[in-house]
């Protein structure tokens, strides 16, 4: 299916789940992140990649802590609160697809897990910004919320070395603060 795979792959790289539904609400495609989110919410040991089972898992997720109804025809979105687990909310957004034939893909459900921080691959950072492997690894760890002391300790290097690498990352990415670097890395996380 031409629409589904590239879109679902891009959503996966961004750390988002994606589910493609037909006009009757049946799941016709699902990406890895959506499968993990649905499985974690349902506490299923195993789940076959069967559309009806995924649909039931999606319905169960929608019943969690919400009184809103997700309308697959109008671009609606809802927030699933996960207060009992102490996790940040899960956001579901329905994006209708302009499909005049009435068959095939009708709606994409995008699942945004606010607990997941997308980050680019080391190879992508090396290609785009000319970072060394060590600089790319450091940048990704900064984007994941680690501090320089922990990064240096984890790689058996000095904090001074980590600072020099970070300064080089700033120069190569044309950023000046860690917050700017994190924002930049989030934007390029979609790239393979």
C-alpha atoms as a PDB file:
ATOM      1  CA  UNK A   1       0.000   0.000   0.000  1.00  0.00           C
ATOM      2  CA  UNK A   2       1.775   3.171  -1.203  1.00  0.00           C
ATOM      3  CA  UNK A   3       0.464   5.615   1.413  1.00  0.00           C
ATOM      4  CA  UNK A   4       0.824   3.539   4.543  1.00  0.00           C
ATOM      5  CA  UNK A   5       4.370   2.232   4.647  1.00  0.00           C
ATOM      6  CA  UNK A   6       6.335   5.470   4.061  1.00  0.00           C
ATOM      7  CA  UNK A   7       4.097   7.426   6.415  1.00  0.00           C
ATOM      8  CA  UNK A   8       4.190   4.791   9.146  1.00  0.00           C
ATOM      9  CA  UNK A   9       7.981   4.479   8.816  1.00  0.00           C
ATOM     10  CA  UNK A  10       8.372   8.263   9.167  1.00  0.00           C
ATOM     11  CA  UNK A  11       6.136   8.280  12.246  1.00  0.00           C
ATOM     12  CA  UNK A  12       8.228   5.442  13.728  1.00  0.00           C
ATOM     13  CA  UNK A  13      11.443   7.443  13.242  1.00  0.00           C
ATOM     14  CA  UNK A  14       9.828  10.385  15.037  1.00  0.00           C
ATOM     15  CA  UNK A  15       8.900   8.117  17.955  1.00  0.00           C
ATOM     16  CA  UNK A  16       5.180   8.186  17.132  1.00  0.00           C
ATOM     17  CA  UNK A  17       2.737   5.396  16.591  1.00  0.00           C
ATOM     18  CA  UNK A  18       0.701   5.191  13.416  1.00  0.00           C
ATOM     19  CA  UNK A  19      -2.372   3.153  12.566  1.00  0.00           C
ATOM     20  CA  UNK A  20      -4.081   3.192   9.182  1.00  0.00           C
ATOM     21  CA  UNK A  21      -7.822   2.477   9.292  1.00  0.00           C
ATOM     22  CA  UNK A  22     -10.306   1.793   6.517  1.00  0.00           C
ATOM     23  CA  UNK A  23     -13.731   3.487   6.345  1.00  0.00           C
ATOM     24  CA  UNK A  24     -15.292   0.953   8.733  1.00  0.00           C
ATOM     25  CA  UNK A  25     -12.570   1.497  11.351  1.00  0.00           C
ATOM     26  CA  UNK A  26     -10.692  -1.744  10.705  1.00  0.00           C
ATOM     27  CA  UNK A  27      -6.920  -1.625  11.167  1.00  0.00           C
ATOM     28  CA  UNK A  28      -5.214  -2.223   7.832  1.00  0.00           C
ATOM     29  CA  UNK A  29      -1.660  -1.199   8.796  1.00  0.00           C
ATOM     30  CA  UNK A  30       0.204  -0.447  12.000  1.00  0.00           C
ATOM     31  CA  UNK A  31       3.774   0.615  12.740  1.00  0.00           C
ATOM     32  CA  UNK A  32       6.103  -0.802  15.387  1.00  0.00           C
ATOM     33  CA  UNK A  33       5.640   2.071  17.860  1.00  0.00           C
ATOM     34  CA  UNK A  34       1.836   1.804  17.734  1.00  0.00           C
ATOM     35  CA  UNK A  35       2.065  -1.957  18.214  1.00  0.00           C
ATOM     36  CA  UNK A  36       4.282  -1.465  21.294  1.00  0.00           C
ATOM     37  CA  UNK A  37       1.942   1.167  22.747  1.00  0.00           C
ATOM     38  CA  UNK A  38      -1.143  -0.975  22.219  1.00  0.00           C
ATOM     39  CA  UNK A  39       0.538  -4.079  23.614  1.00  0.00           C
ATOM     40  CA  UNK A  40       1.779  -2.215  26.690  1.00  0.00           C
ATOM     41  CA  UNK A  41      -1.677  -0.826  27.389  1.00  0.00           C
ATOM     42  CA  UNK A  42      -3.363  -4.194  26.990  1.00  0.00           C
ATOM     43  CA  UNK A  43      -0.776  -6.230  28.902  1.00  0.00           C
ATOM     44  CA  UNK A  44      -0.897  -8.849  26.183  1.00  0.00           C
ATOM     45  CA  UNK A  45       1.774 -11.500  26.213  1.00  0.00           C
ATOM     46  CA  UNK A  46       1.490 -11.979  22.475  1.00  0.00           C
ATOM     47  CA  UNK A  47      -0.721 -10.436  19.870  1.00  0.00           C
ATOM     48  CA  UNK A  48      -0.965 -11.524  16.260  1.00  0.00           C
ATOM     49  CA  UNK A  49      -0.842  -8.761  13.679  1.00  0.00           C
ATOM     50  CA  UNK A  50      -4.523  -9.259  12.984  1.00  0.00           C
ATOM     51  CA  UNK A  51      -6.638  -6.207  12.215  1.00  0.00           C
ATOM     52  CA  UNK A  52      -9.524  -7.162  14.483  1.00  0.00           C
ATOM     53  CA  UNK A  53      -7.245  -7.704  17.479  1.00  0.00           C
ATOM     54  CA  UNK A  54      -5.492  -4.370  16.871  1.00  0.00           C
ATOM     55  CA  UNK A  55      -8.895  -2.692  16.592  1.00  0.00           C
ATOM     56  CA  UNK A  56      -9.957  -4.144  19.943  1.00  0.00           C
ATOM     57  CA  UNK A  57      -6.660  -3.019  21.496  1.00  0.00           C
ATOM     58  CA  UNK A  58      -7.223   0.498  20.128  1.00  0.00           C
ATOM     59  CA  UNK A  59     -10.767   0.524  21.537  1.00  0.00           C
ATOM     60  CA  UNK A  60      -9.448  -0.570  24.935  1.00  0.00           C
ATOM     61  CA  UNK A  61      -6.883   2.219  24.853  1.00  0.00           C
ATOM     62  CA  UNK A  62      -9.572   4.763  24.018  1.00  0.00           C
ATOM     63  CA  UNK A  63     -11.644   3.617  27.002  1.00  0.00           C
ATOM     64  CA  UNK A  64      -8.822   4.448  29.420  1.00  0.00           C
ATOM     65  CA  UNK A  65      -9.613   7.554  31.392  1.00  0.00           C
ATOM     66  CA  UNK A  66     -11.379   9.505  28.696  1.00  0.00           C
ATOM     67  CA  UNK A  67     -14.909  10.600  28.088  1.00  0.00           C
ATOM     68  CA  UNK A  68     -14.098  12.055  24.678  1.00  0.00           C
ATOM     69  CA  UNK A  69     -14.834  10.136  21.521  1.00  0.00           C
ATOM     70  CA  UNK A  70     -12.298   9.926  18.729  1.00  0.00           C
ATOM     71  CA  UNK A  71     -14.057  10.676  15.455  1.00  0.00           C
ATOM     72  CA  UNK A  72     -12.094   9.196  12.553  1.00  0.00           C
ATOM     73  CA  UNK A  73     -13.818  11.477  10.044  1.00  0.00           C
ATOM     74  CA  UNK A  74     -13.038  14.958  11.341  1.00  0.00           C
ATOM     75  CA  UNK A  75      -9.413  15.209  12.490  1.00  0.00           C
ATOM     76  CA  UNK A  76     -10.255  14.982  16.173  1.00  0.00           C
ATOM     77  CA  UNK A  77      -7.754  14.287  18.928  1.00  0.00           C
ATOM     78  CA  UNK A  78      -7.949  13.100  22.489  1.00  0.00           C
ATOM     79  CA  UNK A  79      -5.632  12.853  25.471  1.00  0.00           C
ATOM     80  CA  UNK A  80      -5.282   9.584  27.368  1.00  0.00           C
ATOM     81  CA  UNK A  81      -4.190  10.362  30.921  1.00  0.00           C
ATOM     82  CA  UNK A  82      -1.918   7.798  32.546  1.00  0.00           C
ATOM     83  CA  UNK A  83      -1.937   9.216  36.055  1.00  0.00           C
ATOM     84  CA  UNK A  84      -2.009   5.792  37.710  1.00  0.00           C
ATOM     85  CA  UNK A  85       1.376   4.917  36.197  1.00  0.00           C
ATOM     86  CA  UNK A  86       2.899   8.365  36.695  1.00  0.00           C
ATOM     87  CA  UNK A  87       3.572   8.619  32.973  1.00  0.00           C
ATOM     88  CA  UNK A  88       2.908  11.624  30.771  1.00  0.00           C
ATOM     89  CA  UNK A  89      -0.265  11.492  28.664  1.00  0.00           C
ATOM     90  CA  UNK A  90      -0.664   9.683  25.364  1.00  0.00           C
ATOM     91  CA  UNK A  91      -2.202  11.791  22.589  1.00  0.00           C
ATOM     92  CA  UNK A  92      -4.235  10.284  19.757  1.00  0.00           C
ATOM     93  CA  UNK A  93      -4.978  12.304  16.632  1.00  0.00           C
ATOM     94  CA  UNK A  94      -7.209  11.149  13.785  1.00  0.00           C
ATOM     95  CA  UNK A  95      -6.154  12.417  10.356  1.00  0.00           C
ATOM     96  CA  UNK A  96      -8.700  11.726   7.603  1.00  0.00           C
ATOM     97  CA  UNK A  97      -7.301  10.758   4.209  1.00  0.00           C
ATOM     98  CA  UNK A  98      -8.890  12.161   1.077  1.00  0.00           C
ATOM     99  CA  UNK A  99      -9.851   8.873  -0.536  1.00  0.00           C
ATOM    100  CA  UNK A 100     -12.592   9.233  -3.089  1.00  0.00           C
ATOM    101  CA  UNK A 101     -12.836   5.521  -3.883  1.00  0.00           C
ATOM    102  CA  UNK A 102     -14.266   4.603  -0.491  1.00  0.00           C
ATOM    103  CA  UNK A 103     -12.025   1.560  -0.219  1.00  0.00           C
ATOM    104  CA  UNK A 104      -8.570   1.291   1.271  1.00  0.00           C
ATOM    105  CA  UNK A 105      -7.066   3.820   3.694  1.00  0.00           C
ATOM    106  CA  UNK A 106      -9.535   6.236   5.261  1.00  0.00           C
ATOM    107  CA  UNK A 107      -7.860   7.581   8.417  1.00  0.00           C
ATOM    108  CA  UNK A 108      -4.452   7.599  10.060  1.00  0.00           C
ATOM    109  CA  UNK A 109      -4.402   7.531  13.844  1.00  0.00           C
ATOM    110  CA  UNK A 110      -1.227   9.160  15.141  1.00  0.00           C
ATOM    111  CA  UNK A 111      -0.220   8.202  18.675  1.00  0.00           C
ATOM    112  CA  UNK A 112       2.134  10.627  20.387  1.00  0.00           C
ATOM    113  CA  UNK A 113       3.677   9.203  23.549  1.00  0.00           C
ATOM    114  CA  UNK A 114       5.035  12.137  25.532  1.00  0.00           C
ATOM    115  CA  UNK A 115       7.352   9.716  27.344  1.00  0.00           C
ATOM    116  CA  UNK A 116       9.288   9.013  24.122  1.00  0.00           C
ATOM    117  CA  UNK A 117      12.052  11.353  23.017  1.00  0.00           C
ATOM    118  CA  UNK A 118      12.846  10.918  19.325  1.00  0.00           C
ATOM    119  CA  UNK A 119      16.462  11.201  18.307  1.00  0.00           C
ATOM    120  CA  UNK A 120      18.310  10.830  15.039  1.00  0.00           C
ATOM    121  CA  UNK A 121      20.752   8.077  14.260  1.00  0.00           C
ATOM    122  CA  UNK A 122      24.460   8.568  14.675  1.00  0.00           C
ATOM    123  CA  UNK A 123      24.939   7.999  10.938  1.00  0.00           C
ATOM    124  CA  UNK A 124      22.461  10.760  10.098  1.00  0.00           C
ATOM    125  CA  UNK A 125      24.290  13.262  12.320  1.00  0.00           C
ATOM    126  CA  UNK A 126      27.626  12.289  10.823  1.00  0.00           C
ATOM    127  CA  UNK A 127      26.298  12.817   7.279  1.00  0.00           C
ATOM    128  CA  UNK A 128      24.420  16.067   7.857  1.00  0.00           C
ATOM    129  CA  UNK A 129      26.767  17.889  10.228  1.00  0.00           C
ATOM    130  CA  UNK A 130      30.086  16.117   9.754  1.00  0.00           C
ATOM    131  CA  UNK A 131      30.188  14.962  13.370  1.00  0.00           C
ATOM    132  CA  UNK A 132      32.589  12.262  14.412  1.00  0.00           C
ATOM    133  CA  UNK A 133      31.119   9.048  15.804  1.00  0.00           C
ATOM    134  CA  UNK A 134      31.960  10.183  19.356  1.00  0.00           C
ATOM    135  CA  UNK A 135      30.412  13.627  18.794  1.00  0.00           C
ATOM    136  CA  UNK A 136      27.248  12.104  17.349  1.00  0.00           C
ATOM    137  CA  UNK A 137      26.945   9.727  20.301  1.00  0.00           C
ATOM    138  CA  UNK A 138      27.402  12.643  22.726  1.00  0.00           C
ATOM    139  CA  UNK A 139      24.799  14.750  20.899  1.00  0.00           C
ATOM    140  CA  UNK A 140      22.260  11.927  21.026  1.00  0.00           C
ATOM    141  CA  UNK A 141      22.860  11.413  24.739  1.00  0.00           C
ATOM    142  CA  UNK A 142      22.468  15.153  25.399  1.00  0.00           C
ATOM    143  CA  UNK A 143      19.185  15.027  23.457  1.00  0.00           C
ATOM    144  CA  UNK A 144      18.106  12.093  25.632  1.00  0.00           C
ATOM    145  CA  UNK A 145      18.462  14.252  28.739  1.00  0.00           C
ATOM    146  CA  UNK A 146      21.802  13.058  30.084  1.00  0.00           C
ATOM    147  CA  UNK A 147      24.260  15.511  31.583  1.00  0.00           C
ATOM    148  CA  UNK A 148      27.939  15.797  30.640  1.00  0.00           C
ATOM    149  CA  UNK A 149      29.195  14.244  33.870  1.00  0.00           C
ATOM    150  CA  UNK A 150      27.110  11.090  33.329  1.00  0.00           C
ATOM    151  CA  UNK A 151      28.042  10.906  29.648  1.00  0.00           C
ATOM    152  CA  UNK A 152      31.753  11.219  30.407  1.00  0.00           C
ATOM    153  CA  UNK A 153      31.555   8.599  33.139  1.00  0.00           C
ATOM    154  CA  UNK A 154      29.598   6.230  30.892  1.00  0.00           C
ATOM    155  CA  UNK A 155      32.266   6.426  28.201  1.00  0.00           C
ATOM    156  CA  UNK A 156      35.269   6.419  30.536  1.00  0.00           C
ATOM    157  CA  UNK A 157      36.389   9.874  29.424  1.00  0.00           C
ATOM    158  CA  UNK A 158      36.994  13.067  31.323  1.00  0.00           C
ATOM    159  CA  UNK A 159      34.416  15.807  31.643  1.00  0.00           C
ATOM    160  CA  UNK A 160      36.906  18.109  29.906  1.00  0.00           C
ATOM    161  CA  UNK A 161      36.936  15.791  26.865  1.00  0.00           C
ATOM    162  CA  UNK A 162      33.130  15.720  26.846  1.00  0.00           C
ATOM    163  CA  UNK A 163      33.089  19.540  26.995  1.00  0.00           C
ATOM    164  CA  UNK A 164      35.468  19.762  24.031  1.00  0.00           C
ATOM    165  CA  UNK A 165      33.302  17.344  22.055  1.00  0.00           C
ATOM    166  CA  UNK A 166      30.186  19.333  22.945  1.00  0.00           C
ATOM    167  CA  UNK A 167      31.864  22.565  21.835  1.00  0.00           C
ATOM    168  CA  UNK A 168      32.691  20.890  18.523  1.00  0.00           C
ATOM    169  CA  UNK A 169      29.087  19.681  18.185  1.00  0.00           C
ATOM    170  CA  UNK A 170      27.827  23.225  18.805  1.00  0.00           C
ATOM    171  CA  UNK A 171      30.187  24.614  16.168  1.00  0.00           C
ATOM    172  CA  UNK A 172      29.305  21.990  13.554  1.00  0.00           C
ATOM    173  CA  UNK A 173      25.548  22.255  14.134  1.00  0.00           C
ATOM    174  CA  UNK A 174      25.556  26.073  14.455  1.00  0.00           C
ATOM    175  CA  UNK A 175      23.914  25.870  17.869  1.00  0.00           C
ATOM    176  CA  UNK A 176      25.038  27.630  21.044  1.00  0.00           C
ATOM    177  CA  UNK A 177      23.086  26.017  23.852  1.00  0.00           C
ATOM    178  CA  UNK A 178      22.049  22.495  24.738  1.00  0.00           C
ATOM    179  CA  UNK A 179      18.376  23.462  24.366  1.00  0.00           C
ATOM    180  CA  UNK A 180      19.041  24.610  20.777  1.00  0.00           C
ATOM    181  CA  UNK A 181      20.881  21.359  20.038  1.00  0.00           C
ATOM    182  CA  UNK A 182      18.036  19.235  21.445  1.00  0.00           C
ATOM    183  CA  UNK A 183      15.481  21.140  19.336  1.00  0.00           C
ATOM    184  CA  UNK A 184      17.597  20.693  16.205  1.00  0.00           C
ATOM    185  CA  UNK A 185      18.064  16.962  16.807  1.00  0.00           C
ATOM    186  CA  UNK A 186      14.317  16.510  17.332  1.00  0.00           C
ATOM    187  CA  UNK A 187      13.717  18.073  13.904  1.00  0.00           C
ATOM    188  CA  UNK A 188      16.158  15.756  12.102  1.00  0.00           C
ATOM    189  CA  UNK A 189      14.965  12.642  13.959  1.00  0.00           C
ATOM    190  CA  UNK A 190      12.586  11.895  11.083  1.00  0.00           C
ATOM    191  CA  UNK A 191      15.502  11.151   8.748  1.00  0.00           C
ATOM    192  CA  UNK A 192      16.610   7.532   8.340  1.00  0.00           C
END
